[in-house]
Amino acid sequence: MLKVWLIVYHGTLVGGSWGPLPYDMEACLRVAADQNADWTARVDRGVDKDGNALTAEQIGKARQIRFACVETEERPEITYDGSGPSGAE
């Protein structure tokens, strides 16, 4: 049986996941859209979640992060370990 997962991508790599979620794909897509809007607004302001200023390098890395939803039986594998390039072009 397919389950819904909220995924955080860093470039093309999976950096984290939440789930299986207790709601359907449509609700997950709304959550992901809200998270992406909030994330983009903070990065555009140049601050982290605590309101601390980000460096240009941190902003560049933060712009590679996005939230998305997937349906799969198993938890998606984490493929980003934070130690190198994200795979984004």
PDB file of N, CA and C in Angstrom:
ATOM      1  N   MET A   1       0.840  -1.181   0.000  1.00  0.00           N
ATOM      2  CA  MET A   1       0.000   0.000   0.000  1.00  0.00           C
ATOM      3  C   MET A   1       0.889   1.250   0.000  1.00  0.00           C
ATOM      4  N   LEU A   2       0.570   2.188  -0.887  1.00  0.00           N
ATOM      5  CA  LEU A   2       1.352   3.411  -0.980  1.00  0.00           C
ATOM      6  C   LEU A   2       1.043   4.335   0.196  1.00  0.00           C
ATOM      7  N   LYS A   3       2.087   5.000   0.681  1.00  0.00           N
ATOM      8  CA  LYS A   3       1.973   5.963   1.773  1.00  0.00           C
ATOM      9  C   LYS A   3       2.483   7.301   1.270  1.00  0.00           C
ATOM     10  N   VAL A   4       2.021   8.371   1.893  1.00  0.00           N
ATOM     11  CA  VAL A   4       2.422   9.718   1.506  1.00  0.00           C
ATOM     12  C   VAL A   4       3.541  10.192   2.434  1.00  0.00           C
ATOM     13  N   TRP A   5       4.575  10.768   1.833  1.00  0.00           N
ATOM     14  CA  TRP A   5       5.748  11.281   2.551  1.00  0.00           C
ATOM     15  C   TRP A   5       6.025  12.704   2.117  1.00  0.00           C
ATOM     16  N   LEU A   6       6.383  13.572   3.064  1.00  0.00           N
ATOM     17  CA  LEU A   6       6.859  14.921   2.760  1.00  0.00           C
ATOM     18  C   LEU A   6       8.375  14.850   2.738  1.00  0.00           C
ATOM     19  N   ILE A   7       8.954  15.273   1.635  1.00  0.00           N
ATOM     20  CA  ILE A   7      10.392  15.151   1.416  1.00  0.00           C
ATOM     21  C   ILE A   7      11.019  16.536   1.387  1.00  0.00           C
ATOM     22  N   VAL A   8      12.210  16.662   1.974  1.00  0.00           N
ATOM     23  CA  VAL A   8      12.996  17.882   1.795  1.00  0.00           C
ATOM     24  C   VAL A   8      14.155  17.509   0.890  1.00  0.00           C
ATOM     25  N   TYR A   9      14.216  18.204  -0.233  1.00  0.00           N
ATOM     26  CA  TYR A   9      15.290  17.983  -1.203  1.00  0.00           C
ATOM     27  C   TYR A   9      16.349  19.060  -1.039  1.00  0.00           C
ATOM     28  N   HIS A  10      17.590  18.663  -1.193  1.00  0.00           N
ATOM     29  CA  HIS A  10      18.704  19.609  -1.299  1.00  0.00           C
ATOM     30  C   HIS A  10      19.262  19.383  -2.694  1.00  0.00           C
ATOM     31  N   GLY A  11      18.898  20.277  -3.615  1.00  0.00           N
ATOM     32  CA  GLY A  11      19.205  20.030  -5.019  1.00  0.00           C
ATOM     33  C   GLY A  11      18.381  18.847  -5.482  1.00  0.00           C
ATOM     34  N   THR A  12      19.044  17.829  -5.999  1.00  0.00           N
ATOM     35  CA  THR A  12      18.341  16.635  -6.479  1.00  0.00           C
ATOM     36  C   THR A  12      18.390  15.497  -5.467  1.00  0.00           C
ATOM     37  N   LEU A  13      18.990  15.740  -4.305  1.00  0.00           N
ATOM     38  CA  LEU A  13      19.183  14.689  -3.312  1.00  0.00           C
ATOM     39  C   LEU A  13      18.186  14.820  -2.169  1.00  0.00           C
ATOM     40  N   VAL A  14      17.804  13.681  -1.580  1.00  0.00           N
ATOM     41  CA  VAL A  14      16.868  13.669  -0.463  1.00  0.00           C
ATOM     42  C   VAL A  14      17.634  13.968   0.825  1.00  0.00           C
ATOM     43  N   GLY A  15      17.237  15.064   1.491  1.00  0.00           N
ATOM     44  CA  GLY A  15      17.884  15.444   2.739  1.00  0.00           C
ATOM     45  C   GLY A  15      17.100  15.038   3.968  1.00  0.00           C
ATOM     46  N   GLY A  16      15.835  14.718   3.811  1.00  0.00           N
ATOM     47  CA  GLY A  16      15.026  14.293   4.944  1.00  0.00           C
ATOM     48  C   GLY A  16      13.623  13.954   4.503  1.00  0.00           C
ATOM     49  N   SER A  17      12.878  13.301   5.398  1.00  0.00           N
ATOM     50  CA  SER A  17      11.496  12.953   5.085  1.00  0.00           C
ATOM     51  C   SER A  17      10.671  12.869   6.349  1.00  0.00           C
ATOM     52  N   TRP A  18       9.374  13.143   6.201  1.00  0.00           N
ATOM     53  CA  TRP A  18       8.418  12.990   7.280  1.00  0.00           C
ATOM     54  C   TRP A  18       7.340  12.052   6.787  1.00  0.00           C
ATOM     55  N   GLY A  19       6.943  11.141   7.646  1.00  0.00           N
ATOM     56  CA  GLY A  19       5.865  10.238   7.271  1.00  0.00           C
ATOM     57  C   GLY A  19       6.091   8.833   7.769  1.00  0.00           C
ATOM     58  N   PRO A  20       5.194   7.930   7.400  1.00  0.00           N
ATOM     59  CA  PRO A  20       4.069   8.215   6.512  1.00  0.00           C
ATOM     60  C   PRO A  20       3.109   9.204   7.169  1.00  0.00           C
ATOM     61  N   LEU A  21       2.563  10.074   6.356  1.00  0.00           N
ATOM     62  CA  LEU A  21       1.695  11.133   6.846  1.00  0.00           C
ATOM     63  C   LEU A  21       0.272  10.626   7.044  1.00  0.00           C
ATOM     64  N   PRO A  22      -0.435  11.224   7.996  1.00  0.00           N
ATOM     65  CA  PRO A  22      -1.812  10.779   8.277  1.00  0.00           C
ATOM     66  C   PRO A  22      -2.845  11.427   7.358  1.00  0.00           C
ATOM     67  N   TYR A  23      -2.398  12.053   6.273  1.00  0.00           N
ATOM     68  CA  TYR A  23      -3.324  12.680   5.343  1.00  0.00           C
ATOM     69  C   TYR A  23      -2.951  12.331   3.908  1.00  0.00           C
ATOM     70  N   ASP A  24      -3.806  12.732   2.977  1.00  0.00           N
ATOM     71  CA  ASP A  24      -3.639  12.327   1.576  1.00  0.00           C
ATOM     72  C   ASP A  24      -2.658  13.234   0.823  1.00  0.00           C
ATOM     73  N   MET A  25      -2.410  12.880  -0.422  1.00  0.00           N
ATOM     74  CA  MET A  25      -1.453  13.605  -1.256  1.00  0.00           C
ATOM     75  C   MET A  25      -1.867  15.061  -1.441  1.00  0.00           C
ATOM     76  N   GLU A  26      -3.145  15.314  -1.639  1.00  0.00           N
ATOM     77  CA  GLU A  26      -3.606  16.687  -1.834  1.00  0.00           C
ATOM     78  C   GLU A  26      -3.247  17.561  -0.629  1.00  0.00           C
ATOM     79  N   ALA A  27      -3.466  17.056   0.567  1.00  0.00           N
ATOM     80  CA  ALA A  27      -3.108  17.811   1.769  1.00  0.00           C
ATOM     81  C   ALA A  27      -1.595  17.975   1.876  1.00  0.00           C
ATOM     82  N   CYS A  28      -0.847  16.945   1.528  1.00  0.00           N
ATOM     83  CA  CYS A  28       0.614  17.023   1.563  1.00  0.00           C
ATOM     84  C   CYS A  28       1.106  18.102   0.605  1.00  0.00           C
ATOM     85  N   LEU A  29       0.525  18.172  -0.578  1.00  0.00           N
ATOM     86  CA  LEU A  29       0.938  19.177  -1.551  1.00  0.00           C
ATOM     87  C   LEU A  29       0.689  20.591  -1.031  1.00  0.00           C
ATOM     88  N   ARG A  30      -0.402  20.776  -0.285  1.00  0.00           N
ATOM     89  CA  ARG A  30      -0.664  22.094   0.315  1.00  0.00           C
ATOM     90  C   ARG A  30       0.395  22.418   1.367  1.00  0.00           C
ATOM     91  N   VAL A  31       0.745  21.437   2.195  1.00  0.00           N
ATOM     92  CA  VAL A  31       1.779  21.633   3.218  1.00  0.00           C
ATOM     93  C   VAL A  31       3.112  21.964   2.552  1.00  0.00           C
ATOM     94  N   ALA A  32       3.473  21.225   1.516  1.00  0.00           N
ATOM     95  CA  ALA A  32       4.735  21.465   0.816  1.00  0.00           C
ATOM     96  C   ALA A  32       4.753  22.868   0.209  1.00  0.00           C
ATOM     97  N   ALA A  33       3.645  23.298  -0.381  1.00  0.00           N
ATOM     98  CA  ALA A  33       3.572  24.640  -0.968  1.00  0.00           C
ATOM     99  C   ALA A  33       3.758  25.704   0.110  1.00  0.00           C
ATOM    100  N   ASP A  34       3.121  25.514   1.260  1.00  0.00           N
ATOM    101  CA  ASP A  34       3.274  26.457   2.368  1.00  0.00           C
ATOM    102  C   ASP A  34       4.713  26.486   2.864  1.00  0.00           C
ATOM    103  N   GLN A  35       5.327  25.319   3.004  1.00  0.00           N
ATOM    104  CA  GLN A  35       6.713  25.243   3.472  1.00  0.00           C
ATOM    105  C   GLN A  35       7.657  25.916   2.478  1.00  0.00           C
ATOM    106  N   ASN A  36       7.442  25.662   1.189  1.00  0.00           N
ATOM    107  CA  ASN A  36       8.287  26.287   0.162  1.00  0.00           C
ATOM    108  C   ASN A  36       8.140  27.807   0.170  1.00  0.00           C
ATOM    109  N   ALA A  37       6.919  28.301   0.327  1.00  0.00           N
ATOM    110  CA  ALA A  37       6.698  29.748   0.361  1.00  0.00           C
ATOM    111  C   ALA A  37       7.381  30.371   1.575  1.00  0.00           C
ATOM    112  N   ASP A  38       7.239  29.738   2.733  1.00  0.00           N
ATOM    113  CA  ASP A  38       7.867  30.243   3.952  1.00  0.00           C
ATOM    114  C   ASP A  38       9.388  30.216   3.821  1.00  0.00           C
ATOM    115  N   TRP A  39       9.912  29.100   3.314  1.00  0.00           N
ATOM    116  CA  TRP A  39      11.366  28.952   3.151  1.00  0.00           C
ATOM    117  C   TRP A  39      11.912  30.015   2.198  1.00  0.00           C
ATOM    118  N   THR A  40      11.258  30.181   1.058  1.00  0.00           N
ATOM    119  CA  THR A  40      11.707  31.152   0.064  1.00  0.00           C
ATOM    120  C   THR A  40      11.681  32.570   0.631  1.00  0.00           C
ATOM    121  N   ALA A  41      10.642  32.897   1.377  1.00  0.00           N
ATOM    122  CA  ALA A  41      10.542  34.235   1.965  1.00  0.00           C
ATOM    123  C   ALA A  41      11.685  34.488   2.943  1.00  0.00           C
ATOM    124  N   ARG A  42      12.008  33.490   3.775  1.00  0.00           N
ATOM    125  CA  ARG A  42      13.110  33.662   4.723  1.00  0.00           C
ATOM    126  C   ARG A  42      14.440  33.794   4.008  1.00  0.00           C
ATOM    127  N   VAL A  43      14.667  32.971   2.996  1.00  0.00           N
ATOM    128  CA  VAL A  43      15.928  33.048   2.252  1.00  0.00           C
ATOM    129  C   VAL A  43      16.021  34.405   1.544  1.00  0.00           C
ATOM    130  N   ASP A  44      14.914  34.866   0.966  1.00  0.00           N
ATOM    131  CA  ASP A  44      14.910  36.168   0.299  1.00  0.00           C
ATOM    132  C   ASP A  44      15.218  37.307   1.277  1.00  0.00           C
ATOM    133  N   ARG A  45      14.781  37.151   2.521  1.00  0.00           N
ATOM    134  CA  ARG A  45      15.102  38.147   3.553  1.00  0.00           C
ATOM    135  C   ARG A  45      16.517  37.969   4.086  1.00  0.00           C
ATOM    136  N   GLY A  46      17.139  36.807   3.807  1.00  0.00           N
ATOM    137  CA  GLY A  46      18.504  36.553   4.259  1.00  0.00           C
ATOM    138  C   GLY A  46      18.614  36.208   5.727  1.00  0.00           C
ATOM    139  N   VAL A  47      17.574  35.544   6.268  1.00  0.00           N
ATOM    140  CA  VAL A  47      17.592  35.165   7.682  1.00  0.00           C
ATOM    141  C   VAL A  47      17.225  33.695   7.852  1.00  0.00           C
ATOM    142  N   ASP A  48      17.722  33.098   8.953  1.00  0.00           N
ATOM    143  CA  ASP A  48      17.349  31.726   9.270  1.00  0.00           C
ATOM    144  C   ASP A  48      16.057  31.710  10.080  1.00  0.00           C
ATOM    145  N   LYS A  49      15.648  30.521  10.544  1.00  0.00           N
ATOM    146  CA  LYS A  49      14.375  30.398  11.267  1.00  0.00           C
ATOM    147  C   LYS A  49      14.345  31.174  12.571  1.00  0.00           C
ATOM    148  N   ASP A  50      15.517  31.502  13.105  1.00  0.00           N
ATOM    149  CA  ASP A  50      15.590  32.263  14.352  1.00  0.00           C
ATOM    150  C   ASP A  50      15.808  33.750  14.106  1.00  0.00           C
ATOM    151  N   GLY A  51      15.815  34.167  12.829  1.00  0.00           N
ATOM    152  CA  GLY A  51      15.999  35.567  12.501  1.00  0.00           C
ATOM    153  C   GLY A  51      17.440  36.014  12.391  1.00  0.00           C
ATOM    154  N   ASN A  52      18.376  35.054  12.452  1.00  0.00           N
ATOM    155  CA  ASN A  52      19.795  35.387  12.319  1.00  0.00           C
ATOM    156  C   ASN A  52      20.165  35.574  10.853  1.00  0.00           C
ATOM    157  N   ALA A  53      21.038  36.557  10.586  1.00  0.00           N
ATOM    158  CA  ALA A  53      21.470  36.842   9.216  1.00  0.00           C
ATOM    159  C   ALA A  53      22.243  35.670   8.625  1.00  0.00           C
ATOM    160  N   LEU A  54      21.987  35.389   7.344  1.00  0.00           N
ATOM    161  CA  LEU A  54      22.693  34.344   6.615  1.00  0.00           C
ATOM    162  C   LEU A  54      23.812  34.963   5.783  1.00  0.00           C
ATOM    163  N   THR A  55      24.892  34.206   5.620  1.00  0.00           N
ATOM    164  CA  THR A  55      25.968  34.647   4.737  1.00  0.00           C
ATOM    165  C   THR A  55      25.555  34.363   3.290  1.00  0.00           C
ATOM    166  N   ALA A  56      26.286  34.943   2.353  1.00  0.00           N
ATOM    167  CA  ALA A  56      26.009  34.696   0.937  1.00  0.00           C
ATOM    168  C   ALA A  56      26.129  33.205   0.619  1.00  0.00           C
ATOM    169  N   GLU A  57      27.118  32.533   1.201  1.00  0.00           N
ATOM    170  CA  GLU A  57      27.283  31.094   0.974  1.00  0.00           C
ATOM    171  C   GLU A  57      26.085  30.319   1.518  1.00  0.00           C
ATOM    172  N   GLN A  58      25.623  30.678   2.712  1.00  0.00           N
ATOM    173  CA  GLN A  58      24.460  30.003   3.295  1.00  0.00           C
ATOM    174  C   GLN A  58      23.213  30.239   2.448  1.00  0.00           C
ATOM    175  N   ILE A  59      23.055  31.448   1.942  1.00  0.00           N
ATOM    176  CA  ILE A  59      21.900  31.747   1.095  1.00  0.00           C
ATOM    177  C   ILE A  59      21.944  30.897  -0.173  1.00  0.00           C
ATOM    178  N   GLY A  60      23.120  30.759  -0.777  1.00  0.00           N
ATOM    179  CA  GLY A  60      23.263  29.927  -1.966  1.00  0.00           C
ATOM    180  C   GLY A  60      22.859  28.486  -1.709  1.00  0.00           C
ATOM    181  N   LYS A  61      23.283  27.952  -0.580  1.00  0.00           N
ATOM    182  CA  LYS A  61      22.913  26.572  -0.227  1.00  0.00           C
ATOM    183  C   LYS A  61      21.421  26.481   0.083  1.00  0.00           C
ATOM    184  N   ALA A  62      20.896  27.471   0.788  1.00  0.00           N
ATOM    185  CA  ALA A  62      19.485  27.452   1.175  1.00  0.00           C
ATOM    186  C   ALA A  62      18.565  27.504  -0.040  1.00  0.00           C
ATOM    187  N   ARG A  63      18.980  28.168  -1.093  1.00  0.00           N
ATOM    188  CA  ARG A  63      18.156  28.258  -2.305  1.00  0.00           C
ATOM    189  C   ARG A  63      17.991  26.901  -2.988  1.00  0.00           C
ATOM    190  N   GLN A  64      18.809  25.932  -2.630  1.00  0.00           N
ATOM    191  CA  GLN A  64      18.719  24.593  -3.225  1.00  0.00           C
ATOM    192  C   GLN A  64      17.725  23.694  -2.489  1.00  0.00           C
ATOM    193  N   ILE A  65      17.158  24.193  -1.401  1.00  0.00           N
ATOM    194  CA  ILE A  65      16.247  23.371  -0.590  1.00  0.00           C
ATOM    195  C   ILE A  65      14.810  23.601  -1.034  1.00  0.00           C
ATOM    196  N   ARG A  66      14.060  22.489  -1.137  1.00  0.00           N
ATOM    197  CA  ARG A  66      12.640  22.574  -1.473  1.00  0.00           C
ATOM    198  C   ARG A  66      11.910  21.394  -0.851  1.00  0.00           C
ATOM    199  N   PHE A  67      10.634  21.561  -0.668  1.00  0.00           N
ATOM    200  CA  PHE A  67       9.780  20.525  -0.091  1.00  0.00           C
ATOM    201  C   PHE A  67       8.888  19.951  -1.185  1.00  0.00           C
ATOM    202  N   ALA A  68       8.651  18.648  -1.134  1.00  0.00           N
ATOM    203  CA  ALA A  68       7.816  17.974  -2.130  1.00  0.00           C
ATOM    204  C   ALA A  68       7.153  16.760  -1.481  1.00  0.00           C
ATOM    205  N   CYS A  69       6.200  16.198  -2.166  1.00  0.00           N
ATOM    206  CA  CYS A  69       5.485  15.020  -1.672  1.00  0.00           C
ATOM    207  C   CYS A  69       5.674  13.852  -2.626  1.00  0.00           C
ATOM    208  N   VAL A  70       5.758  12.662  -2.068  1.00  0.00           N
ATOM    209  CA  VAL A  70       5.833  11.442  -2.867  1.00  0.00           C
ATOM    210  C   VAL A  70       4.932  10.384  -2.261  1.00  0.00           C
ATOM    211  N   GLU A  71       4.506   9.466  -3.098  1.00  0.00           N
ATOM    212  CA  GLU A  71       3.766   8.295  -2.646  1.00  0.00           C
ATOM    213  C   GLU A  71       4.627   7.077  -2.916  1.00  0.00           C
ATOM    214  N   THR A  72       4.948   6.358  -1.875  1.00  0.00           N
ATOM    215  CA  THR A  72       5.743   5.141  -2.002  1.00  0.00           C
ATOM    216  C   THR A  72       5.469   4.253  -0.785  1.00  0.00           C
ATOM    217  N   GLU A  73       5.777   2.985  -0.917  1.00  0.00           N
ATOM    218  CA  GLU A  73       5.533   2.062   0.194  1.00  0.00           C
ATOM    219  C   GLU A  73       6.524   2.261   1.335  1.00  0.00           C
ATOM    220  N   GLU A  74       7.771   2.553   0.989  1.00  0.00           N
ATOM    221  CA  GLU A  74       8.835   2.659   1.990  1.00  0.00           C
ATOM    222  C   GLU A  74       9.310   4.100   2.121  1.00  0.00           C
ATOM    223  N   ARG A  75       9.876   4.419   3.284  1.00  0.00           N
ATOM    224  CA  ARG A  75      10.466   5.742   3.500  1.00  0.00           C
ATOM    225  C   ARG A  75      11.553   5.969   2.464  1.00  0.00           C
ATOM    226  N   PRO A  76      11.528   7.123   1.787  1.00  0.00           N
ATOM    227  CA  PRO A  76      12.579   7.424   0.812  1.00  0.00           C
ATOM    228  C   PRO A  76      13.956   7.464   1.484  1.00  0.00           C
ATOM    229  N   GLU A  77      14.931   6.956   0.780  1.00  0.00           N
ATOM    230  CA  GLU A  77      16.293   6.902   1.311  1.00  0.00           C
ATOM    231  C   GLU A  77      16.912   8.295   1.324  1.00  0.00           C
ATOM    232  N   ILE A  78      17.609   8.617   2.426  1.00  0.00           N
ATOM    233  CA  ILE A  78      18.344   9.873   2.510  1.00  0.00           C
ATOM    234  C   ILE A  78      19.582   9.735   1.629  1.00  0.00           C
ATOM    235  N   THR A  79      19.744  10.642   0.680  1.00  0.00           N
ATOM    236  CA  THR A  79      20.881  10.571  -0.235  1.00  0.00           C
ATOM    237  C   THR A  79      21.815  11.752  -0.091  1.00  0.00           C
ATOM    238  N   TYR A  80      21.433  12.754   0.711  1.00  0.00           N
ATOM    239  CA  TYR A  80      22.295  13.913   0.935  1.00  0.00           C
ATOM    240  C   TYR A  80      22.851  13.834   2.347  1.00  0.00           C
ATOM    241  N   ASP A  81      24.175  13.881   2.481  1.00  0.00           N
ATOM    242  CA  ASP A  81      24.790  13.782   3.810  1.00  0.00           C
ATOM    243  C   ASP A  81      25.353  15.108   4.297  1.00  0.00           C
ATOM    244  N   GLY A  82      25.167  16.176   3.541  1.00  0.00           N
ATOM    245  CA  GLY A  82      25.618  17.490   3.957  1.00  0.00           C
ATOM    246  C   GLY A  82      27.089  17.767   3.776  1.00  0.00           C
ATOM    247  N   SER A  83      27.824  16.833   3.194  1.00  0.00           N
ATOM    248  CA  SER A  83      29.271  16.997   3.138  1.00  0.00           C
ATOM    249  C   SER A  83      29.787  17.512   1.792  1.00  0.00           C
ATOM    250  N   GLY A  84      28.929  17.609   0.804  1.00  0.00           N
ATOM    251  CA  GLY A  84      29.439  18.020  -0.501  1.00  0.00           C
ATOM    252  C   GLY A  84      28.375  18.662  -1.341  1.00  0.00           C
ATOM    253  N   PRO A  85      28.608  18.756  -2.630  1.00  0.00           N
ATOM    254  CA  PRO A  85      27.636  19.378  -3.536  1.00  0.00           C
ATOM    255  C   PRO A  85      26.302  18.657  -3.490  1.00  0.00           C
ATOM    256  N   SER A  86      25.249  19.399  -3.728  1.00  0.00           N
ATOM    257  CA  SER A  86      23.908  18.846  -3.629  1.00  0.00           C
ATOM    258  C   SER A  86      23.477  18.097  -4.865  1.00  0.00           C
ATOM    259  N   GLY A  87      24.178  18.228  -5.939  1.00  0.00           N
ATOM    260  CA  GLY A  87      23.746  17.616  -7.183  1.00  0.00           C
ATOM    261  C   GLY A  87      22.939  18.567  -8.025  1.00  0.00           C
ATOM    262  N   ALA A  88      22.662  19.763  -7.493  1.00  0.00           N
ATOM    263  CA  ALA A  88      21.913  20.748  -8.275  1.00  0.00           C
ATOM    264  C   ALA A  88      22.829  21.415  -9.273  1.00  0.00           C
ATOM    265  N   GLU A  89      22.290  21.716 -10.412  1.00  0.00           N
ATOM    266  CA  GLU A  89      23.061  22.392 -11.454  1.00  0.00           C
ATOM    267  C   GLU A  89      22.977  23.886 -11.254  1.00  0.00           C
TER     268      GLU A  89
END
